Amino acid sequence: MVTGSCLCGGVAFEIDGKVSAMHYCHAERCRKATGASFATELAANAADLRWTRGADLITVYDAPLLREPPAFRHAFCRVCGSSLPAALDGTPFVALHAGTLDGDPETRPFRHIFVSQRAPWHTISDAMPQHEQHAPAGERLPKGTIR
C-alpha cells in the first residue's frame, strides 16, 4: 500500500495497488504547479485511490488550454496548497506528485518529458531518456492498468 498526505496533514490518501514508474516533467505548467525545476510524477489506477482524511479540503484547478493539449488539472489542499492526486480525464488513472508520498513507493524515475520547456537554470545531469514533449504513444500509460 502506498500512502500520502499534504503538508498540514489535513488530507491523506491510500493507494491499494501498484503505481507507475516516475518521470520528471519539465513542462512549464508542471513547474508552476509544483514550484520546482520539474515535477516528479507517477500514476495509479483511480479505483485504487481512497481518501482517508480531508476529502472536503481538496480544491481542483482545471487550467485552460494554453498552447496545446493535454488539459492540465491540479488538485491541492486548500489549507496548505500541497499537490494531491488528480484524475486524468479520459483515463482510469490519477496523477500524483512523488513529494506527497509518505513512504517508499518502490518505484524510481526512468525518464524526462517536456525537456523542450526545461527551466533555463536547470541542467539535466543523469543518463535517463529525454523527450522533447510527451513520451512516444507506445511508452505512455497502458489503457487498463498500471504495469
N, C-alpha and C. Protein backbone atom coordinates (compact mmCIF):
# COMPACT_ATOMS: atom_id res chain seq x y z
N MET A 1 0.84 -1.18 0.00
CA MET A 1 0.00 0.00 0.00
C MET A 1 0.89 1.25 0.00
N VAL A 2 0.50 2.22 -0.80
CA VAL A 2 1.19 3.49 -0.89
C VAL A 2 0.33 4.52 -0.19
N THR A 3 0.92 5.33 0.68
CA THR A 3 0.16 6.36 1.37
C THR A 3 0.77 7.72 1.09
N GLY A 4 -0.05 8.75 1.25
CA GLY A 4 0.43 10.11 1.05
C GLY A 4 -0.42 11.09 1.82
N SER A 5 0.09 12.32 1.92
CA SER A 5 -0.62 13.36 2.66
C SER A 5 -0.11 14.73 2.25
N CYS A 6 -0.83 15.73 2.71
CA CYS A 6 -0.43 17.11 2.42
C CYS A 6 0.45 17.64 3.55
N LEU A 7 0.98 18.83 3.36
CA LEU A 7 1.89 19.45 4.33
C LEU A 7 1.24 19.67 5.69
N CYS A 8 0.01 20.12 5.73
CA CYS A 8 -0.64 20.39 7.02
C CYS A 8 -1.23 19.13 7.66
N GLY A 9 -1.28 18.04 6.91
CA GLY A 9 -1.83 16.79 7.44
C GLY A 9 -3.34 16.71 7.36
N GLY A 10 -3.98 17.72 6.82
CA GLY A 10 -5.43 17.72 6.73
C GLY A 10 -5.99 16.72 5.73
N VAL A 11 -5.22 16.42 4.68
CA VAL A 11 -5.66 15.48 3.65
C VAL A 11 -4.69 14.30 3.62
N ALA A 12 -5.23 13.10 3.54
CA ALA A 12 -4.41 11.90 3.42
C ALA A 12 -5.10 10.93 2.47
N PHE A 13 -4.28 10.07 1.85
CA PHE A 13 -4.83 9.11 0.90
C PHE A 13 -4.04 7.81 0.95
N GLU A 14 -4.67 6.77 0.42
CA GLU A 14 -4.04 5.46 0.27
C GLU A 14 -4.25 5.00 -1.16
N ILE A 15 -3.28 4.27 -1.67
CA ILE A 15 -3.42 3.61 -2.96
C ILE A 15 -3.20 2.13 -2.70
N ASP A 16 -4.26 1.37 -2.84
CA ASP A 16 -4.21 -0.06 -2.57
C ASP A 16 -3.99 -0.78 -3.90
N GLY A 17 -2.80 -0.64 -4.42
CA GLY A 17 -2.45 -1.24 -5.70
C GLY A 17 -1.10 -0.72 -6.13
N LYS A 18 -0.73 -1.04 -7.35
CA LYS A 18 0.57 -0.62 -7.87
C LYS A 18 0.52 0.81 -8.37
N VAL A 19 1.68 1.42 -8.40
CA VAL A 19 1.84 2.73 -9.01
C VAL A 19 2.81 2.58 -10.18
N SER A 20 2.77 3.54 -11.08
CA SER A 20 3.66 3.51 -12.24
C SER A 20 5.07 3.92 -11.84
N ALA A 21 5.99 3.73 -12.74
CA ALA A 21 7.31 4.31 -12.57
C ALA A 21 7.15 5.83 -12.62
N MET A 22 8.11 6.54 -12.06
CA MET A 22 8.08 8.00 -12.04
C MET A 22 8.74 8.57 -13.29
N HIS A 23 8.35 9.78 -13.62
CA HIS A 23 9.11 10.53 -14.61
C HIS A 23 9.23 11.97 -14.13
N TYR A 24 10.20 12.66 -14.69
CA TYR A 24 10.40 14.07 -14.39
C TYR A 24 9.78 14.87 -15.52
N CYS A 25 8.78 15.68 -15.19
CA CYS A 25 8.12 16.51 -16.20
C CYS A 25 8.63 17.94 -16.08
N HIS A 26 9.19 18.43 -17.16
CA HIS A 26 9.76 19.78 -17.20
C HIS A 26 8.80 20.80 -17.82
N ALA A 27 7.55 20.42 -18.09
CA ALA A 27 6.58 21.34 -18.70
C ALA A 27 6.41 22.57 -17.80
N GLU A 28 6.24 23.71 -18.44
CA GLU A 28 6.09 24.96 -17.69
C GLU A 28 4.96 24.88 -16.68
N ARG A 29 3.82 24.32 -17.07
CA ARG A 29 2.69 24.28 -16.14
C ARG A 29 2.96 23.34 -14.97
N CYS A 30 3.73 22.28 -15.18
CA CYS A 30 4.08 21.40 -14.06
C CYS A 30 5.07 22.10 -13.12
N ARG A 31 6.00 22.86 -13.69
CA ARG A 31 6.93 23.62 -12.85
C ARG A 31 6.18 24.64 -12.00
N LYS A 32 5.24 25.34 -12.61
CA LYS A 32 4.49 26.35 -11.87
C LYS A 32 3.61 25.72 -10.79
N ALA A 33 3.01 24.58 -11.08
CA ALA A 33 2.14 23.91 -10.10
C ALA A 33 2.91 23.40 -8.90
N THR A 34 4.19 23.02 -9.10
CA THR A 34 4.97 22.47 -8.01
C THR A 34 5.96 23.45 -7.40
N GLY A 35 6.26 24.52 -8.13
CA GLY A 35 7.26 25.47 -7.64
C GLY A 35 8.66 24.92 -7.68
N ALA A 36 8.90 23.93 -8.53
CA ALA A 36 10.20 23.27 -8.62
C ALA A 36 10.70 23.28 -10.07
N SER A 37 11.94 22.89 -10.27
CA SER A 37 12.52 22.84 -11.61
C SER A 37 11.82 21.84 -12.50
N PHE A 38 11.22 20.82 -11.91
CA PHE A 38 10.44 19.81 -12.64
C PHE A 38 9.54 19.11 -11.64
N ALA A 39 8.50 18.47 -12.14
CA ALA A 39 7.59 17.71 -11.29
C ALA A 39 7.96 16.24 -11.37
N THR A 40 8.08 15.59 -10.24
CA THR A 40 8.30 14.15 -10.19
C THR A 40 6.92 13.52 -10.09
N GLU A 41 6.50 12.90 -11.20
CA GLU A 41 5.13 12.41 -11.32
C GLU A 41 5.07 10.89 -11.44
N LEU A 42 3.96 10.35 -10.98
CA LEU A 42 3.66 8.94 -11.18
C LEU A 42 2.14 8.82 -11.26
N ALA A 43 1.66 7.65 -11.56
CA ALA A 43 0.22 7.45 -11.72
C ALA A 43 -0.21 6.18 -11.00
N ALA A 44 -1.51 6.12 -10.74
CA ALA A 44 -2.12 4.94 -10.13
C ALA A 44 -3.50 4.77 -10.73
N ASN A 45 -4.04 3.58 -10.61
CA ASN A 45 -5.42 3.36 -11.03
C ASN A 45 -6.34 4.15 -10.09
N ALA A 46 -7.24 4.91 -10.66
CA ALA A 46 -8.16 5.72 -9.86
C ALA A 46 -8.97 4.85 -8.90
N ALA A 47 -9.32 3.66 -9.32
CA ALA A 47 -10.11 2.76 -8.48
C ALA A 47 -9.35 2.32 -7.23
N ASP A 48 -8.03 2.44 -7.25
CA ASP A 48 -7.21 2.03 -6.11
C ASP A 48 -6.99 3.15 -5.09
N LEU A 49 -7.42 4.39 -5.42
CA LEU A 49 -7.21 5.54 -4.55
C LEU A 49 -8.37 5.68 -3.57
N ARG A 50 -8.02 5.90 -2.30
CA ARG A 50 -9.03 6.14 -1.28
C ARG A 50 -8.55 7.31 -0.42
N TRP A 51 -9.41 8.31 -0.27
CA TRP A 51 -9.12 9.43 0.62
C TRP A 51 -9.38 8.96 2.04
N THR A 52 -8.40 9.05 2.93
CA THR A 52 -8.58 8.60 4.31
C THR A 52 -8.85 9.75 5.26
N ARG A 53 -8.61 10.96 4.77
CA ARG A 53 -8.85 12.13 5.61
C ARG A 53 -8.92 13.36 4.71
N GLY A 54 -9.83 14.26 5.01
CA GLY A 54 -9.82 15.59 4.43
C GLY A 54 -10.27 15.76 2.99
N ALA A 55 -11.06 14.85 2.45
CA ALA A 55 -11.51 15.00 1.06
C ALA A 55 -12.23 16.33 0.85
N ASP A 56 -12.84 16.86 1.89
CA ASP A 56 -13.54 18.14 1.78
C ASP A 56 -12.57 19.33 1.68
N LEU A 57 -11.29 19.11 1.90
CA LEU A 57 -10.29 20.17 1.80
C LEU A 57 -9.64 20.26 0.42
N ILE A 58 -10.04 19.38 -0.49
CA ILE A 58 -9.42 19.33 -1.81
C ILE A 58 -10.06 20.34 -2.75
N THR A 59 -9.21 21.10 -3.41
CA THR A 59 -9.64 22.03 -4.45
C THR A 59 -9.01 21.57 -5.75
N VAL A 60 -9.75 21.67 -6.85
CA VAL A 60 -9.24 21.26 -8.16
C VAL A 60 -9.24 22.47 -9.09
N TYR A 61 -8.10 22.69 -9.71
CA TYR A 61 -7.98 23.76 -10.71
C TYR A 61 -7.80 23.12 -12.07
N ASP A 62 -8.73 23.39 -12.98
CA ASP A 62 -8.63 22.93 -14.36
C ASP A 62 -8.14 24.11 -15.18
N ALA A 63 -6.88 24.04 -15.59
CA ALA A 63 -6.29 25.14 -16.35
C ALA A 63 -6.84 25.16 -17.77
N PRO A 64 -7.08 26.35 -18.30
CA PRO A 64 -7.47 26.40 -19.71
C PRO A 64 -6.29 25.96 -20.57
N LEU A 65 -6.59 25.40 -21.71
CA LEU A 65 -5.50 25.01 -22.61
C LEU A 65 -4.82 26.27 -23.09
N LEU A 66 -3.53 26.31 -22.95
CA LEU A 66 -2.79 27.49 -23.35
C LEU A 66 -2.38 27.38 -24.81
N ARG A 67 -1.39 26.55 -25.08
CA ARG A 67 -0.91 26.41 -26.45
C ARG A 67 -1.37 25.12 -27.11
N GLU A 68 -1.48 24.07 -26.34
CA GLU A 68 -1.84 22.78 -26.92
C GLU A 68 -2.30 21.82 -25.82
N PRO A 69 -3.02 20.78 -26.21
CA PRO A 69 -3.40 19.75 -25.22
C PRO A 69 -2.15 19.04 -24.72
N PRO A 70 -2.17 18.30 -23.67
CA PRO A 70 -3.37 17.88 -22.95
C PRO A 70 -3.83 18.93 -21.95
N ALA A 71 -5.07 18.78 -21.52
CA ALA A 71 -5.58 19.66 -20.48
C ALA A 71 -4.76 19.46 -19.21
N PHE A 72 -4.79 20.42 -18.33
CA PHE A 72 -4.00 20.33 -17.10
C PHE A 72 -4.91 20.47 -15.90
N ARG A 73 -4.87 19.49 -15.04
CA ARG A 73 -5.66 19.50 -13.81
C ARG A 73 -4.70 19.45 -12.63
N HIS A 74 -4.95 20.33 -11.67
CA HIS A 74 -4.10 20.38 -10.47
C HIS A 74 -5.01 20.34 -9.25
N ALA A 75 -4.86 19.30 -8.45
CA ALA A 75 -5.61 19.18 -7.20
C ALA A 75 -4.67 19.54 -6.06
N PHE A 76 -5.22 20.23 -5.06
CA PHE A 76 -4.37 20.65 -3.95
C PHE A 76 -5.21 20.86 -2.69
N CYS A 77 -4.51 20.85 -1.55
CA CYS A 77 -5.15 21.12 -0.26
C CYS A 77 -5.41 22.62 -0.17
N ARG A 78 -6.65 23.00 0.11
CA ARG A 78 -6.96 24.43 0.16
C ARG A 78 -6.41 25.10 1.41
N VAL A 79 -5.92 24.32 2.38
CA VAL A 79 -5.32 24.90 3.59
C VAL A 79 -3.84 25.20 3.37
N CYS A 80 -3.08 24.18 2.92
CA CYS A 80 -1.62 24.36 2.83
C CYS A 80 -1.10 24.44 1.39
N GLY A 81 -1.92 24.13 0.39
CA GLY A 81 -1.51 24.23 -1.00
C GLY A 81 -0.77 23.03 -1.56
N SER A 82 -0.56 21.99 -0.77
CA SER A 82 0.15 20.81 -1.27
C SER A 82 -0.59 20.16 -2.44
N SER A 83 0.18 19.69 -3.42
CA SER A 83 -0.39 18.94 -4.54
C SER A 83 -0.99 17.64 -4.04
N LEU A 84 -2.07 17.22 -4.70
CA LEU A 84 -2.75 15.97 -4.35
C LEU A 84 -3.08 15.21 -5.62
N PRO A 85 -3.38 13.92 -5.52
CA PRO A 85 -3.73 13.15 -6.72
C PRO A 85 -4.90 13.79 -7.48
N ALA A 86 -4.80 13.76 -8.80
CA ALA A 86 -5.84 14.35 -9.65
C ALA A 86 -6.19 13.38 -10.76
N ALA A 87 -7.47 13.28 -11.06
CA ALA A 87 -7.94 12.41 -12.13
C ALA A 87 -7.36 12.86 -13.47
N LEU A 88 -6.96 11.89 -14.28
CA LEU A 88 -6.51 12.16 -15.65
C LEU A 88 -7.70 11.91 -16.56
N ASP A 89 -8.34 12.97 -17.01
CA ASP A 89 -9.55 12.85 -17.82
C ASP A 89 -9.37 11.87 -18.98
N GLY A 90 -10.40 11.08 -19.19
CA GLY A 90 -10.39 10.13 -20.29
C GLY A 90 -9.57 8.89 -20.04
N THR A 91 -9.08 8.73 -18.82
CA THR A 91 -8.30 7.54 -18.46
C THR A 91 -8.80 7.00 -17.13
N PRO A 92 -8.41 5.78 -16.78
CA PRO A 92 -8.77 5.25 -15.47
C PRO A 92 -7.71 5.57 -14.40
N PHE A 93 -6.90 6.62 -14.62
CA PHE A 93 -5.77 6.90 -13.75
C PHE A 93 -5.89 8.22 -12.99
N VAL A 94 -5.14 8.31 -11.91
CA VAL A 94 -4.88 9.57 -11.23
C VAL A 94 -3.39 9.83 -11.34
N ALA A 95 -3.04 11.10 -11.46
CA ALA A 95 -1.63 11.52 -11.46
C ALA A 95 -1.32 12.06 -10.08
N LEU A 96 -0.12 11.80 -9.61
CA LEU A 96 0.28 12.35 -8.32
C LEU A 96 1.74 12.74 -8.35
N HIS A 97 2.09 13.65 -7.45
CA HIS A 97 3.47 14.10 -7.33
C HIS A 97 4.14 13.29 -6.21
N ALA A 98 5.33 12.81 -6.50
CA ALA A 98 6.02 11.93 -5.57
C ALA A 98 6.29 12.59 -4.22
N GLY A 99 6.40 13.90 -4.19
CA GLY A 99 6.67 14.60 -2.94
C GLY A 99 5.56 14.48 -1.92
N THR A 100 4.38 14.05 -2.32
CA THR A 100 3.27 13.90 -1.37
C THR A 100 3.24 12.52 -0.73
N LEU A 101 4.09 11.62 -1.19
CA LEU A 101 4.08 10.25 -0.66
C LEU A 101 4.77 10.20 0.70
N ASP A 102 4.22 9.38 1.58
CA ASP A 102 4.75 9.27 2.94
C ASP A 102 5.87 8.25 3.09
N GLY A 103 5.95 7.31 2.19
CA GLY A 103 6.97 6.26 2.30
C GLY A 103 7.58 6.00 0.93
N ASP A 104 8.25 4.88 0.82
CA ASP A 104 8.89 4.49 -0.43
C ASP A 104 7.88 3.76 -1.32
N PRO A 105 7.57 4.30 -2.50
CA PRO A 105 6.61 3.64 -3.37
C PRO A 105 7.21 2.47 -4.13
N GLU A 106 8.49 2.21 -3.91
CA GLU A 106 9.21 1.11 -4.54
C GLU A 106 9.21 1.21 -6.07
N THR A 107 9.30 2.43 -6.55
CA THR A 107 9.47 2.72 -7.97
C THR A 107 10.41 3.91 -8.06
N ARG A 108 11.05 4.07 -9.18
CA ARG A 108 12.03 5.15 -9.33
C ARG A 108 11.83 5.86 -10.67
N PRO A 109 12.38 7.07 -10.81
CA PRO A 109 12.28 7.78 -12.09
C PRO A 109 13.02 7.04 -13.19
N PHE A 110 12.47 7.15 -14.42
CA PHE A 110 13.11 6.47 -15.53
C PHE A 110 13.22 7.32 -16.79
N ARG A 111 12.65 8.53 -16.81
CA ARG A 111 12.75 9.37 -17.99
C ARG A 111 12.43 10.82 -17.65
N HIS A 112 12.74 11.70 -18.60
CA HIS A 112 12.37 13.12 -18.54
C HIS A 112 11.42 13.38 -19.70
N ILE A 113 10.35 14.17 -19.45
CA ILE A 113 9.46 14.57 -20.54
C ILE A 113 9.36 16.10 -20.57
N PHE A 114 8.96 16.61 -21.73
CA PHE A 114 8.83 18.05 -21.97
C PHE A 114 10.13 18.80 -21.70
N VAL A 115 11.25 18.19 -22.08
CA VAL A 115 12.53 18.87 -21.85
C VAL A 115 12.67 20.13 -22.72
N SER A 116 11.85 20.26 -23.75
CA SER A 116 11.88 21.49 -24.56
C SER A 116 11.44 22.70 -23.74
N GLN A 117 10.75 22.46 -22.61
CA GLN A 117 10.31 23.55 -21.74
C GLN A 117 11.12 23.62 -20.44
N ARG A 118 12.24 22.94 -20.42
CA ARG A 118 13.09 22.87 -19.22
C ARG A 118 13.43 24.28 -18.73
N ALA A 119 13.46 24.45 -17.42
CA ALA A 119 13.85 25.74 -16.83
C ALA A 119 15.28 26.08 -17.25
N PRO A 120 15.54 27.30 -17.64
CA PRO A 120 16.86 27.65 -18.13
C PRO A 120 17.97 27.50 -17.09
N TRP A 121 17.64 27.50 -15.83
CA TRP A 121 18.65 27.36 -14.79
C TRP A 121 18.92 25.91 -14.41
N HIS A 122 18.16 24.98 -14.97
CA HIS A 122 18.30 23.57 -14.59
C HIS A 122 19.06 22.80 -15.68
N THR A 123 20.07 22.07 -15.26
CA THR A 123 20.82 21.19 -16.16
C THR A 123 20.47 19.75 -15.84
N ILE A 124 20.05 19.01 -16.84
CA ILE A 124 19.77 17.58 -16.65
C ILE A 124 21.11 16.86 -16.68
N SER A 125 21.44 16.20 -15.59
CA SER A 125 22.78 15.61 -15.48
C SER A 125 22.78 14.09 -15.35
N ASP A 126 21.62 13.46 -15.54
CA ASP A 126 21.60 12.00 -15.47
C ASP A 126 21.50 11.44 -16.90
N ALA A 127 21.54 10.14 -17.00
CA ALA A 127 21.54 9.48 -18.31
C ALA A 127 20.17 8.93 -18.72
N MET A 128 19.12 9.31 -18.01
CA MET A 128 17.78 8.80 -18.37
C MET A 128 17.34 9.38 -19.71
N PRO A 129 16.50 8.65 -20.44
CA PRO A 129 16.00 9.16 -21.72
C PRO A 129 15.30 10.51 -21.55
N GLN A 130 15.44 11.33 -22.58
CA GLN A 130 14.82 12.65 -22.59
C GLN A 130 13.91 12.77 -23.80
N HIS A 131 12.71 13.30 -23.57
CA HIS A 131 11.75 13.50 -24.65
C HIS A 131 11.42 14.99 -24.72
N GLU A 132 11.46 15.55 -25.91
CA GLU A 132 11.18 16.97 -26.10
C GLU A 132 9.78 17.33 -25.62
N GLN A 133 8.81 16.45 -25.84
CA GLN A 133 7.42 16.66 -25.41
C GLN A 133 7.02 15.42 -24.61
N HIS A 134 5.84 14.88 -24.88
CA HIS A 134 5.41 13.62 -24.27
C HIS A 134 6.32 12.49 -24.74
N ALA A 135 6.31 11.43 -23.99
CA ALA A 135 6.97 10.21 -24.45
C ALA A 135 6.18 9.68 -25.65
N PRO A 136 6.80 8.88 -26.51
CA PRO A 136 6.06 8.30 -27.64
C PRO A 136 4.82 7.55 -27.14
N ALA A 137 3.77 7.55 -27.95
CA ALA A 137 2.48 6.97 -27.57
C ALA A 137 2.61 5.56 -26.99
N GLY A 138 3.44 4.73 -27.57
CA GLY A 138 3.61 3.37 -27.09
C GLY A 138 4.29 3.25 -25.74
N GLU A 139 4.86 4.36 -25.25
CA GLU A 139 5.57 4.34 -23.97
C GLU A 139 4.81 5.07 -22.87
N ARG A 140 3.58 5.49 -23.15
CA ARG A 140 2.77 6.15 -22.13
C ARG A 140 2.05 5.10 -21.30
N LEU A 141 1.17 5.53 -20.41
CA LEU A 141 0.45 4.60 -19.55
C LEU A 141 -0.41 3.66 -20.39
N PRO A 142 -0.48 2.39 -20.01
CA PRO A 142 -1.35 1.45 -20.72
C PRO A 142 -2.82 1.80 -20.48
N LYS A 143 -3.70 1.31 -21.33
CA LYS A 143 -5.12 1.67 -21.24
C LYS A 143 -5.81 1.17 -19.98
N GLY A 144 -5.50 -0.01 -19.50
CA GLY A 144 -6.28 -0.57 -18.41
C GLY A 144 -5.67 -0.50 -17.03
N THR A 145 -4.44 -0.86 -16.88
CA THR A 145 -3.87 -0.95 -15.55
C THR A 145 -2.43 -0.43 -15.54
N ILE A 146 -1.94 -0.20 -14.36
CA ILE A 146 -0.55 0.22 -14.18
C ILE A 146 0.32 -1.03 -14.31
N ARG A 147 1.41 -0.91 -14.98
CA ARG A 147 2.32 -2.04 -15.14
C ARG A 147 2.98 -2.42 -13.85
